[in-house]
Amino acid sequence: MSLGRGPVRVGIVGAGGRGRLHARNVQRAGGRVTAIAEPVRERREPLAATHDVPAAARFAHWAELAEHAADHVDVVVIATQDHDHADPAVAFAERGVHLLCEKPIAPDEPAALRVAEAVRRTGVQFTISHPLRYAPSTRALVAALRAGRIGDLVSVQHLEPVGTWHFAHSYVRGSWRREDLASSLLLAKCSHDIDLLTHLVGDRPSRLASFGRLSHFRPERRPEGAADRCLDCAVEPTCPYSAPRIYRSCLGDPDWEHQLLGAVTDVPTPEALDAALRDGPYGRCVYGCDNDVVDHQVVAFEFDSGITATHTVTAFSEQAPRQTRVFGTHGAVEVDGGVLRFYDFRAHPDRAVETVAAGDGRAPHQEGDEELVRVFLRAVADDEPGANLTGLEEALTSHRIVWAAERARRSGETVAMAWDAGVPCA
């Protein structure tokens, strides 16, 4: 992926797990990581060294990189914490730098619209990290639906099984545990699932309702005899959310040290891990944290066409890929990870089912992440923003649906959407 002077130059703003992942995908896509902005030296320096970023392009704050953006980058990846997306996005857009932004654009609508205004005014290209559209299984499913393989679309069910360890890590002990520090669970975790539903239906919902709450990870659910820290707890050996069991199992596995353990300790050794569990946030009892995001939620949609859809997210599941079921007048299709299972109502029962594998066997999210970066860098290199499947308008649509769903959850009311130009979504 190159401009006239060479590979597309990409700056990584935020060297946490997602920033490191995007950097790796930039390299795989043929771009070049040319700058890093990260306040934590123990994260900034290893990532910079991995990608041979010169010392002059290693910054402790994104504003320093923004001031010298023309010297270093064509694109920046915004992978800071949720509340820290809008300011750098606006600053880099005003300097003509194209934006790949981690979800969400911002936790609230005014801040997101500030980013949108800057992107429109400056004409930079923008993509949100909604990788599910780019997954091979999604592309195969959309092609089948548009070709009428299951007749007219009637309804969709979509499940996001977060997994118990993942939820405890990110949404009870971790950075996304509180809405005032990050955003709602639906926005932080599921905005790209909502985007997937609108993509499958090919429309935006006309009304929606939502239900959900924080049911389990609460002080009153703490088992008798449980301590404040897992390392001191008599209940820990039988607790599903044991921090020592979760994190010690990652030691020695480079992928899991990168994906999970890196948030707990910058040094993946037993001694450093135990010190982090003794003193840091990831060693706390899940029933004694300061979390407030819901641990399960369902959103129900109706479209003007009469098509209905549901999205369910739950902490209480095994580690599993997303699962989608689409129902039509002539058939149905189930998607579980990268496998599509079609059922044809018109066929003989012995020949009614066809199973199709899409992709190379990895998780669709992972494959989508790589393809999203590849497509965006190509769109920048070729100056073809239309090649981007998850641009500004798609991002705003998914976010506005989420904000409306949160209003519905809190009020208990069905919310009618208002999609007129310039009018808030609900």
Protein backbone atom coordinates (compact mmCIF):
# COMPACT_ATOMS: atom_id res chain seq x y z
CA MET A 1 0.00 0.00 0.00
CA SER A 2 1.86 3.08 -1.12
CA LEU A 3 1.51 6.70 -2.03
CA GLY A 4 3.77 8.29 -4.59
CA ARG A 5 6.62 8.61 -2.10
CA GLY A 6 6.38 5.05 -0.71
CA PRO A 7 4.28 2.97 1.71
CA VAL A 8 1.39 4.65 3.51
CA ARG A 9 2.85 6.08 6.73
CA VAL A 10 0.81 5.21 9.81
CA GLY A 11 1.03 6.60 13.32
CA ILE A 12 -0.29 4.60 16.27
CA VAL A 13 -1.93 6.75 18.95
CA GLY A 14 -2.25 4.48 21.98
CA ALA A 15 -0.01 1.42 22.27
CA GLY A 16 -2.36 -0.84 24.22
CA GLY A 17 -3.73 -4.12 22.94
CA ARG A 18 -5.73 -2.69 20.04
CA GLY A 19 -2.97 -0.28 19.06
CA ARG A 20 -0.47 -3.14 18.90
CA LEU A 21 -2.93 -5.24 16.89
CA HIS A 22 -3.52 -2.47 14.35
CA ALA A 23 0.22 -1.88 14.05
CA ARG A 24 0.75 -5.54 13.19
CA ASN A 25 -2.06 -5.40 10.63
CA VAL A 26 -0.61 -2.25 9.07
CA GLN A 27 2.64 -4.09 8.50
CA ARG A 28 0.83 -7.12 7.05
CA ALA A 29 -1.13 -4.84 4.71
CA GLY A 30 2.01 -3.29 3.25
CA GLY A 31 1.83 -0.01 5.13
CA ARG A 32 4.55 1.24 7.47
CA VAL A 33 4.29 2.24 11.12
CA THR A 34 6.29 5.47 11.26
CA ALA A 35 5.31 7.05 14.58
CA ILE A 36 4.06 6.08 18.03
CA ALA A 37 2.29 8.29 20.60
CA GLU A 38 1.89 6.60 23.98
CA PRO A 39 2.44 8.02 27.49
CA VAL A 40 3.54 4.71 29.04
CA ARG A 41 7.17 4.20 28.11
CA GLU A 42 7.00 0.42 28.73
CA ARG A 43 4.39 0.20 25.96
CA ARG A 44 5.71 2.88 23.63
CA GLU A 45 9.29 1.70 23.34
CA PRO A 46 8.74 -2.02 22.61
CA LEU A 47 6.14 -1.26 19.92
CA ALA A 48 8.39 1.39 18.39
CA ALA A 49 11.32 -1.00 18.39
CA THR A 50 9.25 -3.75 16.77
CA HIS A 51 8.47 -1.45 13.84
CA ASP A 52 11.85 0.36 13.69
CA VAL A 53 10.29 3.72 14.51
CA PRO A 54 13.09 6.29 14.92
CA ALA A 55 13.55 8.04 18.25
CA ALA A 56 12.39 11.36 16.77
CA ALA A 57 8.99 9.79 15.99
CA ARG A 58 8.33 8.36 19.47
CA PHE A 59 6.06 10.69 21.44
CA ALA A 60 4.68 10.65 24.96
CA HIS A 61 1.51 12.52 23.94
CA TRP A 62 -0.60 12.54 20.80
CA ALA A 63 -0.49 16.36 20.66
CA GLU A 64 3.27 16.22 20.09
CA LEU A 65 2.78 13.89 17.13
CA ALA A 66 -0.03 16.10 15.80
CA GLU A 67 2.29 19.11 15.81
CA HIS A 68 4.74 17.19 13.60
CA ALA A 69 2.20 15.12 11.70
CA ALA A 70 3.28 16.24 8.24
CA ASP A 71 6.80 14.97 8.91
CA HIS A 72 5.74 11.52 10.00
CA VAL A 73 2.27 10.23 9.01
CA ASP A 74 -0.44 10.02 6.35
CA VAL A 75 -2.82 8.03 8.60
CA VAL A 76 -3.22 7.72 12.35
CA VAL A 77 -4.86 4.92 14.28
CA ILE A 78 -6.75 6.34 17.28
CA ALA A 79 -6.53 3.56 19.86
CA THR A 80 -6.64 5.54 23.09
CA GLN A 81 -9.32 5.07 25.76
CA ASP A 82 -12.90 5.84 24.73
CA HIS A 83 -13.05 9.35 26.22
CA ASP A 84 -9.76 10.23 24.52
CA HIS A 85 -10.80 9.61 20.91
CA ALA A 86 -12.46 12.89 19.92
CA ASP A 87 -9.71 15.42 20.66
CA PRO A 88 -6.91 13.63 18.78
CA ALA A 89 -9.27 12.75 15.92
CA VAL A 90 -10.18 16.41 15.42
CA ALA A 91 -6.58 17.58 15.78
CA PHE A 92 -5.22 15.14 13.20
CA ALA A 93 -8.10 15.75 10.77
CA GLU A 94 -7.34 19.47 10.89
CA ARG A 95 -3.79 18.64 9.83
CA GLY A 96 -5.01 16.59 6.86
CA VAL A 97 -4.26 13.19 8.39
CA HIS A 98 -6.61 10.32 7.57
CA LEU A 99 -8.24 8.56 10.54
CA LEU A 100 -8.73 4.94 11.54
CA CYS A 101 -10.60 5.24 14.81
CA GLU A 102 -11.23 2.52 17.34
CA LYS A 103 -14.84 2.27 18.42
CA PRO A 104 -16.47 4.37 19.66
CA ILE A 105 -15.94 7.67 17.87
CA ALA A 106 -16.75 9.15 21.28
CA PRO A 107 -18.94 8.08 24.20
CA ASP A 108 -21.53 10.83 23.59
CA GLU A 109 -23.21 12.30 20.56
CA PRO A 110 -21.94 15.93 20.82
CA ALA A 111 -18.31 14.78 20.86
CA ALA A 112 -18.90 12.36 17.99
CA LEU A 113 -20.55 15.10 15.93
CA ARG A 114 -17.53 17.32 16.61
CA VAL A 115 -15.34 14.65 15.01
CA ALA A 116 -17.79 14.27 12.12
CA GLU A 117 -17.74 18.02 11.47
CA ALA A 118 -13.94 18.04 11.34
CA VAL A 119 -13.82 15.06 8.99
CA ARG A 120 -16.37 16.61 6.62
CA ARG A 121 -14.75 20.04 6.70
CA THR A 122 -11.22 18.81 6.04
CA GLY A 123 -12.12 16.03 3.60
CA VAL A 124 -9.88 13.43 5.23
CA GLN A 125 -10.80 9.79 4.94
CA PHE A 126 -12.27 8.17 8.05
CA THR A 127 -13.04 4.63 9.09
CA ILE A 128 -14.33 3.20 12.35
CA SER A 129 -13.11 -0.14 13.63
CA HIS A 130 -16.25 -2.12 12.75
CA PRO A 131 -14.45 -5.21 11.45
CA LEU A 132 -17.43 -7.56 11.19
CA ARG A 133 -18.41 -6.11 7.80
CA TYR A 134 -15.01 -7.17 6.46
CA ALA A 135 -15.06 -10.75 7.74
CA PRO A 136 -15.23 -13.43 5.01
CA SER A 137 -18.28 -15.01 6.65
CA THR A 138 -20.12 -11.67 6.55
CA ARG A 139 -19.25 -11.12 2.91
CA ALA A 140 -20.49 -14.63 2.06
CA LEU A 141 -23.68 -14.10 4.06
CA VAL A 142 -24.45 -10.72 2.52
CA ALA A 143 -23.85 -12.08 -0.99
CA ALA A 144 -26.28 -14.94 -0.30
CA LEU A 145 -28.95 -12.64 1.11
CA ARG A 146 -28.69 -10.15 -1.75
CA ALA A 147 -28.93 -13.01 -4.26
CA GLY A 148 -32.20 -14.15 -2.68
CA ARG A 149 -30.84 -17.47 -1.50
CA ILE A 150 -33.30 -17.64 1.42
CA GLY A 151 -36.06 -15.62 -0.22
CA ASP A 152 -37.27 -12.41 1.37
CA LEU A 153 -35.62 -11.55 4.66
CA VAL A 154 -38.01 -11.74 7.64
CA SER A 155 -35.95 -11.64 10.84
CA VAL A 156 -32.45 -11.83 12.29
CA GLN A 157 -31.10 -13.06 15.63
CA HIS A 158 -27.58 -12.09 16.65
CA LEU A 159 -25.68 -13.22 19.76
CA GLU A 160 -22.47 -11.75 21.16
CA PRO A 161 -21.23 -14.30 23.75
CA VAL A 162 -18.59 -12.19 25.50
CA GLY A 163 -17.28 -15.05 27.63
CA THR A 164 -16.90 -15.07 31.39
CA TRP A 165 -13.14 -14.46 31.51
CA HIS A 166 -13.31 -11.68 28.90
CA PHE A 167 -16.12 -9.90 30.69
CA ALA A 168 -14.39 -10.14 34.06
CA HIS A 169 -11.15 -8.88 32.51
CA SER A 170 -12.47 -5.93 30.50
CA TYR A 171 -15.84 -4.96 31.98
CA VAL A 172 -15.52 -5.73 35.70
CA ARG A 173 -11.84 -5.27 36.55
CA GLY A 174 -10.67 -3.47 33.42
CA SER A 175 -10.79 -0.18 31.57
CA TRP A 176 -14.38 -0.52 30.31
CA ARG A 177 -15.97 -1.30 33.68
CA ARG A 178 -17.60 2.12 34.20
CA GLU A 179 -19.55 4.31 31.84
CA ASP A 180 -18.00 7.53 33.18
CA LEU A 181 -14.51 6.18 32.44
CA ALA A 182 -15.34 4.63 29.05
CA SER A 183 -18.85 4.10 27.67
CA SER A 184 -21.79 1.75 27.93
CA LEU A 185 -21.23 -1.95 27.30
CA LEU A 186 -23.38 -1.68 24.17
CA LEU A 187 -21.24 1.09 22.71
CA ALA A 188 -17.86 -0.25 23.82
CA LYS A 189 -18.45 -3.87 22.88
CA CYS A 190 -21.37 -4.07 20.48
CA SER A 191 -21.52 -0.99 18.24
CA HIS A 192 -20.04 -3.09 15.43
CA ASP A 193 -22.61 -5.83 16.10
CA ILE A 194 -25.34 -3.21 15.67
CA ASP A 195 -23.59 -2.11 12.48
CA LEU A 196 -23.62 -5.72 11.28
CA LEU A 197 -27.40 -5.96 11.72
CA THR A 198 -28.05 -2.80 9.68
CA HIS A 199 -25.63 -4.12 7.06
CA LEU A 200 -27.45 -7.47 6.79
CA VAL A 201 -30.89 -5.88 6.60
CA GLY A 202 -29.68 -3.08 4.34
CA ASP A 203 -31.62 -0.45 6.27
CA ARG A 204 -31.80 1.48 9.52
CA PRO A 205 -34.38 0.59 12.20
CA SER A 206 -37.52 2.65 12.62
CA ARG A 207 -38.01 1.79 16.29
CA LEU A 208 -36.36 -0.23 19.03
CA ALA A 209 -36.59 -1.38 22.63
CA SER A 210 -33.90 -2.62 24.99
CA PHE A 211 -33.61 -4.41 28.31
CA GLY A 212 -30.57 -5.21 30.44
CA ARG A 213 -28.90 -4.69 33.79
CA LEU A 214 -25.93 -5.44 35.98
CA SER A 215 -27.21 -8.60 37.63
CA HIS A 216 -24.28 -10.61 38.95
CA PHE A 217 -21.05 -8.66 39.45
CA ARG A 218 -22.35 -6.84 42.53
CA PRO A 219 -21.27 -6.76 46.21
CA GLU A 220 -24.38 -8.58 47.38
CA ARG A 221 -23.51 -11.57 45.17
CA ARG A 222 -20.12 -12.06 46.83
CA PRO A 223 -19.72 -15.64 48.13
CA GLU A 224 -19.37 -16.10 51.86
CA GLY A 225 -15.71 -16.00 52.84
CA ALA A 226 -14.51 -14.25 49.70
CA ALA A 227 -11.66 -11.76 50.11
CA ASP A 228 -11.05 -8.43 48.39
CA ARG A 229 -8.15 -9.93 46.41
CA CYS A 230 -7.99 -13.27 44.61
CA LEU A 231 -4.52 -14.01 46.01
CA ASP A 232 -5.94 -13.83 49.55
CA CYS A 233 -9.21 -15.62 48.87
CA ALA A 234 -10.28 -19.01 50.22
CA VAL A 235 -13.01 -19.18 47.55
CA GLU A 236 -10.60 -18.52 44.64
CA PRO A 237 -9.90 -22.19 43.71
CA THR A 238 -13.58 -22.75 42.84
CA CYS A 239 -14.46 -19.25 41.59
CA PRO A 240 -15.26 -18.99 37.85
CA TYR A 241 -13.61 -15.55 37.79
CA SER A 242 -10.31 -16.43 39.51
CA ALA A 243 -7.70 -13.91 38.35
CA PRO A 244 -4.70 -16.20 39.08
CA ARG A 245 -6.22 -19.00 37.05
CA ILE A 246 -7.12 -16.75 34.11
CA TYR A 247 -3.82 -14.87 33.88
CA ARG A 248 -1.32 -17.55 34.85
CA SER A 249 -2.68 -19.69 32.02
CA CYS A 250 -1.47 -17.00 29.57
CA LEU A 251 2.18 -17.18 30.60
CA GLY A 252 4.39 -18.68 27.91
CA ASP A 253 1.82 -18.20 25.15
CA PRO A 254 2.89 -15.22 22.97
CA ASP A 255 -0.60 -14.65 21.57
CA TRP A 256 -2.28 -14.56 24.98
CA GLU A 257 0.56 -12.58 26.52
CA HIS A 258 -0.11 -10.02 23.78
CA GLN A 259 -3.91 -10.20 23.78
CA LEU A 260 -4.75 -10.45 27.47
CA LEU A 261 -1.77 -10.37 29.81
CA GLY A 262 -0.40 -7.13 28.38
CA ALA A 263 -3.16 -5.20 30.11
CA VAL A 264 -2.21 -6.68 33.48
CA THR A 265 1.57 -6.41 33.42
CA ASP A 266 4.16 -5.12 30.97
CA VAL A 267 6.52 -7.93 32.03
CA PRO A 268 5.10 -11.42 31.35
CA THR A 269 6.80 -13.31 34.18
CA PRO A 270 5.24 -15.18 37.14
CA GLU A 271 6.81 -12.74 39.59
CA ALA A 272 5.60 -9.61 37.78
CA LEU A 273 2.15 -11.11 37.32
CA ASP A 274 1.79 -11.95 41.03
CA ALA A 275 2.88 -8.40 41.92
CA ALA A 276 0.25 -6.99 39.54
CA LEU A 277 -2.46 -9.24 40.99
CA ARG A 278 -1.40 -8.23 44.50
CA ASP A 279 -1.58 -4.48 43.91
CA GLY A 280 -3.27 -3.78 40.57
CA PRO A 281 -6.89 -3.66 39.42
CA TYR A 282 -6.87 -7.07 37.76
CA GLY A 283 -6.39 -8.94 41.03
CA ARG A 284 -9.58 -7.61 42.63
CA CYS A 285 -12.58 -9.70 43.55
CA VAL A 286 -15.19 -9.33 40.81
CA TYR A 287 -17.81 -8.75 43.52
CA GLY A 288 -15.87 -5.84 45.01
CA CYS A 289 -14.97 -3.67 42.02
CA ASP A 290 -16.32 -0.23 41.11
CA ASN A 291 -17.98 -1.48 37.90
CA ASP A 292 -21.40 -0.30 36.71
CA VAL A 293 -21.86 -1.48 33.10
CA VAL A 294 -24.56 -4.08 32.45
CA ASP A 295 -23.59 -7.74 32.26
CA HIS A 296 -26.39 -8.75 29.88
CA GLN A 297 -28.60 -6.86 27.45
CA VAL A 298 -30.99 -7.43 24.58
CA VAL A 299 -32.06 -4.94 21.89
CA ALA A 300 -35.09 -5.52 19.65
CA PHE A 301 -35.47 -3.70 16.32
CA GLU A 302 -38.23 -3.14 13.81
CA PHE A 303 -37.56 -1.79 10.32
CA ASP A 304 -39.99 0.05 8.03
CA SER A 305 -40.09 -3.06 5.83
CA GLY A 306 -41.46 -5.11 8.73
CA ILE A 307 -38.20 -7.01 9.21
CA THR A 308 -37.37 -7.58 12.87
CA ALA A 309 -34.02 -8.22 14.53
CA THR A 310 -32.61 -8.88 17.98
CA HIS A 311 -29.16 -8.42 19.43
CA THR A 312 -28.18 -10.20 22.64
CA VAL A 313 -24.94 -9.64 24.54
CA THR A 314 -24.10 -11.63 27.65
CA ALA A 315 -21.19 -12.11 30.01
CA PHE A 316 -22.37 -15.60 30.89
CA SER A 317 -21.06 -17.76 28.09
CA GLU A 318 -18.10 -19.77 26.95
CA GLN A 319 -15.45 -18.13 24.81
CA ALA A 320 -17.10 -18.38 21.41
CA PRO A 321 -17.47 -16.52 18.12
CA ARG A 322 -20.55 -14.45 17.45
CA GLN A 323 -23.57 -16.39 16.26
CA THR A 324 -26.13 -15.11 13.76
CA ARG A 325 -29.34 -16.68 12.46
CA VAL A 326 -31.17 -15.16 9.51
CA PHE A 327 -34.69 -16.27 8.58
CA GLY A 328 -36.27 -15.83 5.14
CA THR A 329 -39.35 -16.93 3.28
CA HIS A 330 -37.53 -19.70 1.35
CA GLY A 331 -34.88 -20.71 3.84
CA ALA A 332 -32.68 -19.83 6.77
CA VAL A 333 -28.97 -19.53 7.45
CA GLU A 334 -26.97 -19.91 10.67
CA VAL A 335 -23.52 -18.37 11.00
CA ASP A 336 -21.28 -19.64 13.78
CA GLY A 337 -17.82 -18.16 13.49
CA GLY A 338 -16.65 -18.73 9.93
CA VAL A 339 -19.16 -21.48 9.11
CA LEU A 340 -22.47 -20.83 7.32
CA ARG A 341 -25.21 -23.46 7.43
CA PHE A 342 -27.99 -22.94 4.89
CA TYR A 343 -31.39 -24.63 5.15
CA ASP A 344 -33.55 -24.65 2.01
CA PHE A 345 -37.29 -24.99 2.67
CA ARG A 346 -37.87 -26.09 -0.94
CA ALA A 347 -35.44 -29.00 -0.94
CA HIS A 348 -35.96 -32.62 0.04
CA PRO A 349 -35.14 -33.00 3.77
CA ASP A 350 -32.12 -35.17 2.96
CA ARG A 351 -30.69 -32.40 0.78
CA ALA A 352 -32.00 -29.35 2.64
CA VAL A 353 -28.81 -28.42 4.49
CA GLU A 354 -25.61 -27.08 2.98
CA THR A 355 -22.60 -26.07 5.08
CA VAL A 356 -20.14 -23.50 3.73
CA ALA A 357 -16.84 -22.50 5.37
CA ALA A 358 -15.74 -18.90 4.79
CA GLY A 359 -12.28 -17.54 5.50
CA ASP A 360 -9.19 -19.37 6.66
CA GLY A 361 -10.51 -20.76 9.92
CA ARG A 362 -9.54 -17.92 12.24
CA ALA A 363 -12.14 -15.94 14.18
CA PRO A 364 -14.15 -13.64 11.87
CA HIS A 365 -13.34 -10.63 14.07
CA GLN A 366 -9.61 -11.26 13.60
CA GLU A 367 -9.92 -11.71 9.84
CA GLY A 368 -12.13 -8.62 9.68
CA ASP A 369 -9.58 -6.56 11.59
CA GLU A 370 -6.90 -7.38 9.05
CA GLU A 371 -9.11 -6.75 6.04
CA LEU A 372 -10.40 -3.45 7.44
CA VAL A 373 -6.85 -2.10 7.72
CA ARG A 374 -5.94 -3.42 4.29
CA VAL A 375 -9.00 -1.84 2.64
CA PHE A 376 -8.50 1.49 4.39
CA LEU A 377 -4.84 1.80 3.48
CA ARG A 378 -5.69 0.94 -0.11
CA ALA A 379 -8.46 3.58 -0.11
CA VAL A 380 -5.96 6.17 1.15
CA ALA A 381 -3.25 5.11 -1.31
CA ASP A 382 -5.67 5.19 -4.26
CA ASP A 383 -7.66 8.21 -3.01
CA GLU A 384 -10.86 6.17 -3.24
CA PRO A 385 -12.88 6.70 -0.05
CA GLY A 386 -15.81 4.80 -1.56
CA ALA A 387 -13.88 1.54 -1.10
CA ASN A 388 -14.28 1.90 2.66
CA LEU A 389 -17.24 -0.14 4.02
CA THR A 390 -17.31 1.56 7.43
CA GLY A 391 -16.99 5.25 6.82
CA LEU A 392 -18.25 8.22 8.81
CA GLU A 393 -21.95 7.79 8.04
CA GLU A 394 -21.93 4.08 8.89
CA ALA A 395 -20.17 4.87 12.14
CA LEU A 396 -22.65 7.58 13.10
CA THR A 397 -25.56 5.27 12.28
CA SER A 398 -24.33 2.49 14.58
CA HIS A 399 -23.56 4.93 17.38
CA ARG A 400 -26.92 6.69 17.15
CA ILE A 401 -28.72 3.36 17.35
CA VAL A 402 -26.72 2.46 20.45
CA TRP A 403 -27.45 5.80 22.15
CA ALA A 404 -31.16 5.33 21.39
CA ALA A 405 -31.04 1.76 22.74
CA GLU A 406 -29.50 3.00 25.97
CA ARG A 407 -32.27 5.58 26.31
CA ALA A 408 -34.80 2.80 25.74
CA ARG A 409 -33.15 0.56 28.33
CA ARG A 410 -33.16 3.26 30.98
CA SER A 411 -36.68 4.52 30.28
CA GLY A 412 -38.36 1.19 29.55
CA GLU A 413 -39.97 2.76 26.48
CA THR A 414 -39.95 1.86 22.81
CA VAL A 415 -37.95 4.55 21.02
CA ALA A 416 -38.92 5.78 17.55
CA MET A 417 -35.93 6.73 15.44
CA ALA A 418 -35.72 10.03 13.57
CA TRP A 419 -33.34 9.73 10.63
CA ASP A 420 -34.04 13.11 8.99
CA ALA A 421 -30.90 15.02 8.06
CA GLY A 422 -29.55 17.02 10.94
CA VAL A 423 -32.02 15.56 13.46
CA PRO A 424 -30.74 13.46 16.37
CA CYS A 425 -31.56 9.81 16.05
CA ALA A 426 -34.27 9.60 18.70
